[in-house]
């Protein structure tokens, strides 16, 4: 996790284990374009499995998509808390989402392993950024904007959630969250093109 801040403002960059598990489930179930915003596929690529047999009795794939989208919304709103709780093997918190509950039961072990591997890669990435000084990019952007406007910053909190996504871009969620590919910061110009307009608006 990277924190930066000044008088009345704070920017936090981190990843999210529960969101990684949700992305794994989405891609494994072939729910392309599910959720708002519609994020690109996770990377490394997750093998798609047919879930017709699992979900047929509980509304099929359309029910699974609706339930997954409701879960994703909850994860976004609750971040950084993990709501609802992921408690194997029964996943009681998903009792009202029977299709999703079954898919979680089938894939949780693989999803958890995949998410843990991505988390450890993210920790290495963060260490590299600190060593190279590229983690200062956000501070620089805020400082540049403050000099431009010639006053102190308005109070704001901005949360940047970095996820292993194969498209190098960011998705803006009003009013104070951004989801972005974990590789985006390694391309400073591209990173700036997505994040600077948000910083300018908030400062």
Foldseek 3Di string as FASTA:
>chain_A
DDWDDDVQEIEAEEAALVVLLLLLLCQQCVVQCAEPPRAAHFPPHHHHDHCCVVCVVPPGPVLVSVLSRVLVVVPVVPPPDDPPDQDPDQRVSCVVSRSPRSSCNVCVVVSNVVSVVVRVVLVVVVVVCVVVVLSCLVVVLLVVLCVVVVDDFHRDYAYEYEGRHPDQAWDDDPDHYIYGHSCNSVPVVRVCVHCNVNSNVRD
